[in-house]
């Protein structure tokens, strides 16, 4: 597949025990465009993922690794990576995706093509718009995600059907406008809060249909704590917005 023309682009991939996936994923992502550079953020994986990332840097190039001292969380990994990219590179597009092939490289390509067309400031790979789909999910997981997204959208009013989706492309100016240090949410709640803050700053959002594939290698990070945080966060953000509005009156 021919590479596409992109401005300087960094794709951020957080990892924790993803050695079975990383060595296959990295070449496929880099093949999308010669303008792409990867930034892997490894949370002290116990299976050798960090060492595999270093090996890929040496053999493939166009890639950097942040080694963190422990399992500090998805939101924390993205915040550190975004801050590093903004501080050390001139990347115009900053993307995020999972390491387990639940986000397919072909769908990342679709997101990047939409971003290149200038359709919006934030382009999201969406499971819940026409053409989007999920594969190999049990009904309980399907229902949880579907209802959870409707719940968050109803409370916050963000014009995005897949608020918990983690395949995104941000224009640099969006991330520069968000106070990343102020974001405390993690996991799916982090995805909700980031989209909400970008939208509240006046940036546009566009969704591209993708197929989300349940992982076949490694272990899912889903837990009751993750779900609970996503349930509480929309109300916290709404109350925060109300307090800010009253303060301005």
C-alpha atoms as a PDB file:
ATOM      1  CA  UNK A   1       0.000   0.000   0.000  1.00  0.00           C
ATOM      2  CA  UNK A   2       1.384   3.364  -1.022  1.00  0.00           C
ATOM      3  CA  UNK A   3       2.263   5.799   1.772  1.00  0.00           C
ATOM      4  CA  UNK A   4       0.166   8.961   2.037  1.00  0.00           C
ATOM      5  CA  UNK A   5       1.496  12.526   2.135  1.00  0.00           C
ATOM      6  CA  UNK A   6       1.236  13.962   5.633  1.00  0.00           C
ATOM      7  CA  UNK A   7       2.657  16.902   7.534  1.00  0.00           C
ATOM      8  CA  UNK A   8       5.046  15.870  10.347  1.00  0.00           C
ATOM      9  CA  UNK A   9       3.032  13.386  12.414  1.00  0.00           C
ATOM     10  CA  UNK A  10       3.630  11.552  15.693  1.00  0.00           C
ATOM     11  CA  UNK A  11       1.581   8.493  16.646  1.00  0.00           C
ATOM     12  CA  UNK A  12       1.551   7.809  20.395  1.00  0.00           C
ATOM     13  CA  UNK A  13       1.131   4.185  21.513  1.00  0.00           C
ATOM     14  CA  UNK A  14       0.975   3.429  25.262  1.00  0.00           C
ATOM     15  CA  UNK A  15       2.012  -0.113  26.179  1.00  0.00           C
ATOM     16  CA  UNK A  16       1.771  -2.442  29.129  1.00  0.00           C
ATOM     17  CA  UNK A  17       2.612  -6.086  28.438  1.00  0.00           C
ATOM     18  CA  UNK A  18       2.035  -5.878  24.670  1.00  0.00           C
ATOM     19  CA  UNK A  19       5.090  -7.761  23.415  1.00  0.00           C
ATOM     20  CA  UNK A  20       2.904 -10.109  21.355  1.00  0.00           C
ATOM     21  CA  UNK A  21       1.518  -7.168  19.376  1.00  0.00           C
ATOM     22  CA  UNK A  22       4.142  -4.425  19.225  1.00  0.00           C
ATOM     23  CA  UNK A  23       6.592  -5.963  16.755  1.00  0.00           C
ATOM     24  CA  UNK A  24       3.754  -6.508  14.249  1.00  0.00           C
ATOM     25  CA  UNK A  25       2.051  -3.161  14.820  1.00  0.00           C
ATOM     26  CA  UNK A  26       5.020  -0.802  14.498  1.00  0.00           C
ATOM     27  CA  UNK A  27       6.000  -1.655  10.874  1.00  0.00           C
ATOM     28  CA  UNK A  28       2.374  -1.423   9.745  1.00  0.00           C
ATOM     29  CA  UNK A  29       1.929   2.035  11.270  1.00  0.00           C
ATOM     30  CA  UNK A  30       5.218   3.341   9.882  1.00  0.00           C
ATOM     31  CA  UNK A  31       4.229   2.061   6.424  1.00  0.00           C
ATOM     32  CA  UNK A  32       1.248   4.452   6.322  1.00  0.00           C
ATOM     33  CA  UNK A  33       3.497   7.434   5.596  1.00  0.00           C
ATOM     34  CA  UNK A  34       7.188   8.371   5.680  1.00  0.00           C
ATOM     35  CA  UNK A  35       6.110  11.451   7.665  1.00  0.00           C
ATOM     36  CA  UNK A  36       5.064   9.344  10.673  1.00  0.00           C
ATOM     37  CA  UNK A  37       7.203   8.948  13.768  1.00  0.00           C
ATOM     38  CA  UNK A  38       6.121   6.705  16.643  1.00  0.00           C
ATOM     39  CA  UNK A  39       6.327   7.389  20.349  1.00  0.00           C
ATOM     40  CA  UNK A  40       5.854   4.315  22.528  1.00  0.00           C
ATOM     41  CA  UNK A  41       5.169   4.923  26.224  1.00  0.00           C
ATOM     42  CA  UNK A  42       5.867   1.772  28.208  1.00  0.00           C
ATOM     43  CA  UNK A  43       4.716   1.435  31.822  1.00  0.00           C
ATOM     44  CA  UNK A  44       7.454  -0.949  32.999  1.00  0.00           C
ATOM     45  CA  UNK A  45       5.996  -3.975  31.237  1.00  0.00           C
ATOM     46  CA  UNK A  46       6.978  -7.259  32.850  1.00  0.00           C
ATOM     47  CA  UNK A  47       6.922  -9.219  29.577  1.00  0.00           C
ATOM     48  CA  UNK A  48       9.784  -7.407  27.838  1.00  0.00           C
ATOM     49  CA  UNK A  49       7.688  -4.942  25.809  1.00  0.00           C
ATOM     50  CA  UNK A  50      10.036  -2.081  26.697  1.00  0.00           C
ATOM     51  CA  UNK A  51      13.087  -4.012  25.495  1.00  0.00           C
ATOM     52  CA  UNK A  52      11.258  -4.966  22.303  1.00  0.00           C
ATOM     53  CA  UNK A  53      10.465  -1.294  21.720  1.00  0.00           C
ATOM     54  CA  UNK A  54      14.163  -0.441  22.090  1.00  0.00           C
ATOM     55  CA  UNK A  55      15.017  -3.188  19.590  1.00  0.00           C
ATOM     56  CA  UNK A  56      12.533  -1.732  17.103  1.00  0.00           C
ATOM     57  CA  UNK A  57      14.068   1.730  17.529  1.00  0.00           C
ATOM     58  CA  UNK A  58      17.482   0.305  16.651  1.00  0.00           C
ATOM     59  CA  UNK A  59      16.245  -1.720  13.670  1.00  0.00           C
ATOM     60  CA  UNK A  60      13.569   0.529  12.153  1.00  0.00           C
ATOM     61  CA  UNK A  61      14.219   4.091  13.340  1.00  0.00           C
ATOM     62  CA  UNK A  62      11.492   6.794  13.166  1.00  0.00           C
ATOM     63  CA  UNK A  63      10.532   5.815  16.681  1.00  0.00           C
ATOM     64  CA  UNK A  64      11.199   6.830  20.279  1.00  0.00           C
ATOM     65  CA  UNK A  65      10.408   5.187  23.615  1.00  0.00           C
ATOM     66  CA  UNK A  66       9.537   6.623  27.005  1.00  0.00           C
ATOM     67  CA  UNK A  67      10.263   4.101  29.771  1.00  0.00           C
ATOM     68  CA  UNK A  68       8.197   4.815  32.879  1.00  0.00           C
ATOM     69  CA  UNK A  69       8.897   3.401  36.352  1.00  0.00           C
ATOM     70  CA  UNK A  70       5.597   1.580  36.846  1.00  0.00           C
ATOM     71  CA  UNK A  71       1.996   1.095  35.731  1.00  0.00           C
ATOM     72  CA  UNK A  72       0.922   4.734  35.990  1.00  0.00           C
ATOM     73  CA  UNK A  73      -2.166   4.622  33.806  1.00  0.00           C
ATOM     74  CA  UNK A  74      -3.337   5.317  30.272  1.00  0.00           C
ATOM     75  CA  UNK A  75      -4.271   8.961  30.788  1.00  0.00           C
ATOM     76  CA  UNK A  76      -0.957   9.683  32.469  1.00  0.00           C
ATOM     77  CA  UNK A  77       0.894   8.023  29.575  1.00  0.00           C
ATOM     78  CA  UNK A  78      -0.907  10.121  26.971  1.00  0.00           C
ATOM     79  CA  UNK A  79      -0.414  13.360  28.898  1.00  0.00           C
ATOM     80  CA  UNK A  80       3.315  12.777  29.250  1.00  0.00           C
ATOM     81  CA  UNK A  81       3.597  11.808  25.592  1.00  0.00           C
ATOM     82  CA  UNK A  82       1.612  14.813  24.347  1.00  0.00           C
ATOM     83  CA  UNK A  83       3.707  17.183  26.441  1.00  0.00           C
ATOM     84  CA  UNK A  84       6.906  15.574  25.143  1.00  0.00           C
ATOM     85  CA  UNK A  85       5.778  15.821  21.513  1.00  0.00           C
ATOM     86  CA  UNK A  86       4.743  19.476  21.880  1.00  0.00           C
ATOM     87  CA  UNK A  87       8.022  20.355  23.594  1.00  0.00           C
ATOM     88  CA  UNK A  88      10.464  18.444  21.395  1.00  0.00           C
ATOM     89  CA  UNK A  89       8.940  18.189  17.904  1.00  0.00           C
ATOM     90  CA  UNK A  90       7.199  20.319  15.314  1.00  0.00           C
ATOM     91  CA  UNK A  91       4.537  17.694  14.604  1.00  0.00           C
ATOM     92  CA  UNK A  92       1.326  19.151  13.173  1.00  0.00           C
ATOM     93  CA  UNK A  93      -0.698  15.962  13.725  1.00  0.00           C
ATOM     94  CA  UNK A  94      -0.490  14.057  17.021  1.00  0.00           C
ATOM     95  CA  UNK A  95      -2.351  10.749  16.972  1.00  0.00           C
ATOM     96  CA  UNK A  96      -3.166   8.154  19.600  1.00  0.00           C
ATOM     97  CA  UNK A  97      -3.981   4.474  19.252  1.00  0.00           C
ATOM     98  CA  UNK A  98      -3.997   1.221  21.196  1.00  0.00           C
ATOM     99  CA  UNK A  99      -1.155  -1.288  20.912  1.00  0.00           C
ATOM    100  CA  UNK A 100      -3.283  -4.430  20.711  1.00  0.00           C
ATOM    101  CA  UNK A 101      -4.651  -4.181  17.117  1.00  0.00           C
ATOM    102  CA  UNK A 102      -8.110  -3.251  18.405  1.00  0.00           C
ATOM    103  CA  UNK A 103      -7.292  -0.093  16.439  1.00  0.00           C
ATOM    104  CA  UNK A 104      -6.308  -1.349  13.006  1.00  0.00           C
ATOM    105  CA  UNK A 105      -3.574   0.488  11.077  1.00  0.00           C
ATOM    106  CA  UNK A 106      -5.939   0.682   8.089  1.00  0.00           C
ATOM    107  CA  UNK A 107      -8.348   2.680  10.254  1.00  0.00           C
ATOM    108  CA  UNK A 108      -5.562   4.959  11.449  1.00  0.00           C
ATOM    109  CA  UNK A 109      -4.886   5.624   7.779  1.00  0.00           C
ATOM    110  CA  UNK A 110      -8.550   6.616   7.275  1.00  0.00           C
ATOM    111  CA  UNK A 111      -8.378   8.987  10.244  1.00  0.00           C
ATOM    112  CA  UNK A 112      -5.190  10.580   8.902  1.00  0.00           C
ATOM    113  CA  UNK A 113      -6.630  10.956   5.407  1.00  0.00           C
ATOM    114  CA  UNK A 114      -9.615  12.805   6.886  1.00  0.00           C
ATOM    115  CA  UNK A 115      -7.291  15.024   8.939  1.00  0.00           C
ATOM    116  CA  UNK A 116      -5.327  15.856   5.772  1.00  0.00           C
ATOM    117  CA  UNK A 117      -8.545  16.977   4.093  1.00  0.00           C
ATOM    118  CA  UNK A 118      -8.967  19.522   6.886  1.00  0.00           C
ATOM    119  CA  UNK A 119     -12.408  18.246   7.896  1.00  0.00           C
ATOM    120  CA  UNK A 120     -11.930  19.157  11.572  1.00  0.00           C
ATOM    121  CA  UNK A 121      -9.418  19.954  14.308  1.00  0.00           C
ATOM    122  CA  UNK A 122     -10.000  16.593  16.023  1.00  0.00           C
ATOM    123  CA  UNK A 123     -10.632  13.455  13.948  1.00  0.00           C
ATOM    124  CA  UNK A 124     -11.931  10.410  15.812  1.00  0.00           C
ATOM    125  CA  UNK A 125     -12.191   6.788  14.733  1.00  0.00           C
ATOM    126  CA  UNK A 126     -15.777   5.920  15.681  1.00  0.00           C
ATOM    127  CA  UNK A 127     -17.496   2.611  16.314  1.00  0.00           C
ATOM    128  CA  UNK A 128     -20.926   4.162  16.726  1.00  0.00           C
ATOM    129  CA  UNK A 129     -21.640   6.022  13.481  1.00  0.00           C
ATOM    130  CA  UNK A 130     -22.941   4.463  10.231  1.00  0.00           C
ATOM    131  CA  UNK A 131     -20.206   2.253   8.824  1.00  0.00           C
ATOM    132  CA  UNK A 132     -18.581   1.726  12.223  1.00  0.00           C
ATOM    133  CA  UNK A 133     -18.560  -1.673  13.905  1.00  0.00           C
ATOM    134  CA  UNK A 134     -17.147  -3.819  16.677  1.00  0.00           C
ATOM    135  CA  UNK A 135     -15.839  -7.346  16.199  1.00  0.00           C
ATOM    136  CA  UNK A 136     -15.764 -10.273  18.662  1.00  0.00           C
ATOM    137  CA  UNK A 137     -17.376  -8.371  21.524  1.00  0.00           C
ATOM    138  CA  UNK A 138     -19.695 -10.125  23.988  1.00  0.00           C
ATOM    139  CA  UNK A 139     -23.140  -8.520  24.218  1.00  0.00           C
ATOM    140  CA  UNK A 140     -22.437  -7.168  27.729  1.00  0.00           C
ATOM    141  CA  UNK A 141     -19.384  -5.245  26.477  1.00  0.00           C
ATOM    142  CA  UNK A 142     -21.321  -3.957  23.464  1.00  0.00           C
ATOM    143  CA  UNK A 143     -24.178  -2.742  25.661  1.00  0.00           C
ATOM    144  CA  UNK A 144     -21.835  -1.156  28.220  1.00  0.00           C
ATOM    145  CA  UNK A 145     -20.009   0.875  25.570  1.00  0.00           C
ATOM    146  CA  UNK A 146     -23.144   1.875  23.670  1.00  0.00           C
ATOM    147  CA  UNK A 147     -25.054   3.014  26.743  1.00  0.00           C
ATOM    148  CA  UNK A 148     -21.972   4.609  28.305  1.00  0.00           C
ATOM    149  CA  UNK A 149     -21.359   6.762  25.249  1.00  0.00           C
ATOM    150  CA  UNK A 150     -24.992   7.870  25.057  1.00  0.00           C
ATOM    151  CA  UNK A 151     -24.900   8.659  28.792  1.00  0.00           C
ATOM    152  CA  UNK A 152     -21.763  10.824  28.535  1.00  0.00           C
ATOM    153  CA  UNK A 153     -22.985  12.625  25.428  1.00  0.00           C
ATOM    154  CA  UNK A 154     -26.367  13.386  27.021  1.00  0.00           C
ATOM    155  CA  UNK A 155     -24.722  14.943  30.093  1.00  0.00           C
ATOM    156  CA  UNK A 156     -21.958  16.879  28.331  1.00  0.00           C
ATOM    157  CA  UNK A 157     -23.525  17.734  24.976  1.00  0.00           C
ATOM    158  CA  UNK A 158     -20.365  16.972  23.013  1.00  0.00           C
ATOM    159  CA  UNK A 159     -21.255  16.324  19.329  1.00  0.00           C
ATOM    160  CA  UNK A 160     -19.337  13.032  19.221  1.00  0.00           C
ATOM    161  CA  UNK A 161     -20.981   9.608  19.109  1.00  0.00           C
ATOM    162  CA  UNK A 162     -17.940   7.655  20.313  1.00  0.00           C
ATOM    163  CA  UNK A 163     -16.703   9.650  23.304  1.00  0.00           C
ATOM    164  CA  UNK A 164     -14.706   6.748  24.729  1.00  0.00           C
ATOM    165  CA  UNK A 165     -12.967   5.990  21.446  1.00  0.00           C
ATOM    166  CA  UNK A 166      -9.175   6.012  21.664  1.00  0.00           C
ATOM    167  CA  UNK A 167      -8.196   6.309  17.987  1.00  0.00           C
ATOM    168  CA  UNK A 168      -7.762  10.055  17.402  1.00  0.00           C
ATOM    169  CA  UNK A 169      -5.794  12.623  15.478  1.00  0.00           C
ATOM    170  CA  UNK A 170      -5.299  16.022  17.110  1.00  0.00           C
ATOM    171  CA  UNK A 171      -4.086  19.135  15.381  1.00  0.00           C
ATOM    172  CA  UNK A 172      -1.209  20.593  17.333  1.00  0.00           C
ATOM    173  CA  UNK A 173      -3.125  23.744  18.218  1.00  0.00           C
ATOM    174  CA  UNK A 174      -5.795  21.718  20.038  1.00  0.00           C
ATOM    175  CA  UNK A 175      -3.356  20.062  22.427  1.00  0.00           C
ATOM    176  CA  UNK A 176      -1.539  23.371  22.917  1.00  0.00           C
ATOM    177  CA  UNK A 177      -4.811  24.938  24.076  1.00  0.00           C
ATOM    178  CA  UNK A 178      -5.627  22.253  26.672  1.00  0.00           C
ATOM    179  CA  UNK A 179      -4.079  22.409  30.127  1.00  0.00           C
ATOM    180  CA  UNK A 180      -2.864  18.811  30.164  1.00  0.00           C
ATOM    181  CA  UNK A 181      -1.623  19.081  33.759  1.00  0.00           C
ATOM    182  CA  UNK A 182      -5.191  19.803  34.898  1.00  0.00           C
ATOM    183  CA  UNK A 183      -6.571  16.536  33.520  1.00  0.00           C
ATOM    184  CA  UNK A 184      -6.896  13.849  36.186  1.00  0.00           C
ATOM    185  CA  UNK A 185      -9.074  11.279  34.393  1.00  0.00           C
ATOM    186  CA  UNK A 186      -7.617   8.009  33.165  1.00  0.00           C
ATOM    187  CA  UNK A 187      -8.604   5.183  30.789  1.00  0.00           C
ATOM    188  CA  UNK A 188     -11.960   5.723  29.019  1.00  0.00           C
ATOM    189  CA  UNK A 189     -12.717   8.739  31.189  1.00  0.00           C
ATOM    190  CA  UNK A 190      -9.555  10.368  29.864  1.00  0.00           C
ATOM    191  CA  UNK A 191     -10.884  10.026  26.320  1.00  0.00           C
ATOM    192  CA  UNK A 192     -14.147  11.698  27.359  1.00  0.00           C
ATOM    193  CA  UNK A 193     -12.452  14.568  29.164  1.00  0.00           C
ATOM    194  CA  UNK A 194     -10.004  15.308  26.357  1.00  0.00           C
ATOM    195  CA  UNK A 195     -12.746  15.494  23.723  1.00  0.00           C
ATOM    196  CA  UNK A 196     -14.883  17.664  26.005  1.00  0.00           C
ATOM    197  CA  UNK A 197     -12.042  20.104  26.702  1.00  0.00           C
ATOM    198  CA  UNK A 198     -11.136  20.350  23.023  1.00  0.00           C
ATOM    199  CA  UNK A 199     -14.767  21.020  22.117  1.00  0.00           C
ATOM    200  CA  UNK A 200     -15.173  23.607  24.913  1.00  0.00           C
ATOM    201  CA  UNK A 201     -12.185  25.475  23.467  1.00  0.00           C
ATOM    202  CA  UNK A 202     -14.126  25.812  20.221  1.00  0.00           C
ATOM    203  CA  UNK A 203     -12.393  23.142  18.152  1.00  0.00           C
ATOM    204  CA  UNK A 204     -14.350  21.018  15.681  1.00  0.00           C
ATOM    205  CA  UNK A 205     -14.740  17.227  15.845  1.00  0.00           C
ATOM    206  CA  UNK A 206     -15.253  14.820  12.953  1.00  0.00           C
ATOM    207  CA  UNK A 207     -15.831  11.067  13.202  1.00  0.00           C
ATOM    208  CA  UNK A 208     -14.613   8.436  10.743  1.00  0.00           C
ATOM    209  CA  UNK A 209     -16.184   4.956  10.858  1.00  0.00           C
ATOM    210  CA  UNK A 210     -13.829   2.199  12.005  1.00  0.00           C
ATOM    211  CA  UNK A 211     -14.042  -1.439  12.965  1.00  0.00           C
ATOM    212  CA  UNK A 212     -12.900  -2.029  16.530  1.00  0.00           C
ATOM    213  CA  UNK A 213     -11.523  -5.554  16.899  1.00  0.00           C
ATOM    214  CA  UNK A 214     -11.311  -7.254  20.284  1.00  0.00           C
ATOM    215  CA  UNK A 215      -7.713  -8.157  21.102  1.00  0.00           C
ATOM    216  CA  UNK A 216      -6.482 -11.672  20.309  1.00  0.00           C
ATOM    217  CA  UNK A 217      -3.149 -11.341  22.165  1.00  0.00           C
ATOM    218  CA  UNK A 218      -2.505 -10.068  25.701  1.00  0.00           C
ATOM    219  CA  UNK A 219      -4.939  -9.190  28.474  1.00  0.00           C
ATOM    220  CA  UNK A 220      -7.685  -6.541  28.461  1.00  0.00           C
ATOM    221  CA  UNK A 221      -7.252  -3.615  30.877  1.00  0.00           C
ATOM    222  CA  UNK A 222     -11.034  -3.250  31.454  1.00  0.00           C
ATOM    223  CA  UNK A 223     -12.072  -3.237  35.141  1.00  0.00           C
ATOM    224  CA  UNK A 224     -14.827  -2.056  37.470  1.00  0.00           C
ATOM    225  CA  UNK A 225     -12.737   0.963  38.451  1.00  0.00           C
ATOM    226  CA  UNK A 226     -12.429   1.974  34.799  1.00  0.00           C
ATOM    227  CA  UNK A 227     -16.217   1.816  34.345  1.00  0.00           C
ATOM    228  CA  UNK A 228     -16.880   3.684  37.582  1.00  0.00           C
ATOM    229  CA  UNK A 229     -14.575   6.539  36.644  1.00  0.00           C
ATOM    230  CA  UNK A 230     -16.327   6.921  33.280  1.00  0.00           C
ATOM    231  CA  UNK A 231     -19.718   7.099  35.024  1.00  0.00           C
ATOM    232  CA  UNK A 232     -18.692   9.819  37.488  1.00  0.00           C
ATOM    233  CA  UNK A 233     -16.580  12.014  35.205  1.00  0.00           C
ATOM    234  CA  UNK A 234     -19.348  13.552  33.010  1.00  0.00           C
ATOM    235  CA  UNK A 235     -21.151  14.901  36.075  1.00  0.00           C
ATOM    236  CA  UNK A 236     -17.910  16.258  37.515  1.00  0.00           C
ATOM    237  CA  UNK A 237     -17.146  18.089  34.279  1.00  0.00           C
ATOM    238  CA  UNK A 238     -20.674  19.445  34.032  1.00  0.00           C
ATOM    239  CA  UNK A 239     -20.577  20.748  37.594  1.00  0.00           C
ATOM    240  CA  UNK A 240     -17.163  22.268  36.953  1.00  0.00           C
ATOM    241  CA  UNK A 241     -18.516  24.050  33.883  1.00  0.00           C
ATOM    242  CA  UNK A 242     -21.481  25.360  35.852  1.00  0.00           C
ATOM    243  CA  UNK A 243     -19.226  26.673  38.618  1.00  0.00           C
ATOM    244  CA  UNK A 244     -17.044  28.438  36.061  1.00  0.00           C
ATOM    245  CA  UNK A 245     -20.108  30.008  34.440  1.00  0.00           C
ATOM    246  CA  UNK A 246     -21.443  31.276  37.787  1.00  0.00           C
ATOM    247  CA  UNK A 247     -18.021  32.677  38.645  1.00  0.00           C
ATOM    248  CA  UNK A 248     -18.064  34.783  35.480  1.00  0.00           C
ATOM    249  CA  UNK A 249     -21.513  36.266  36.226  1.00  0.00           C
END
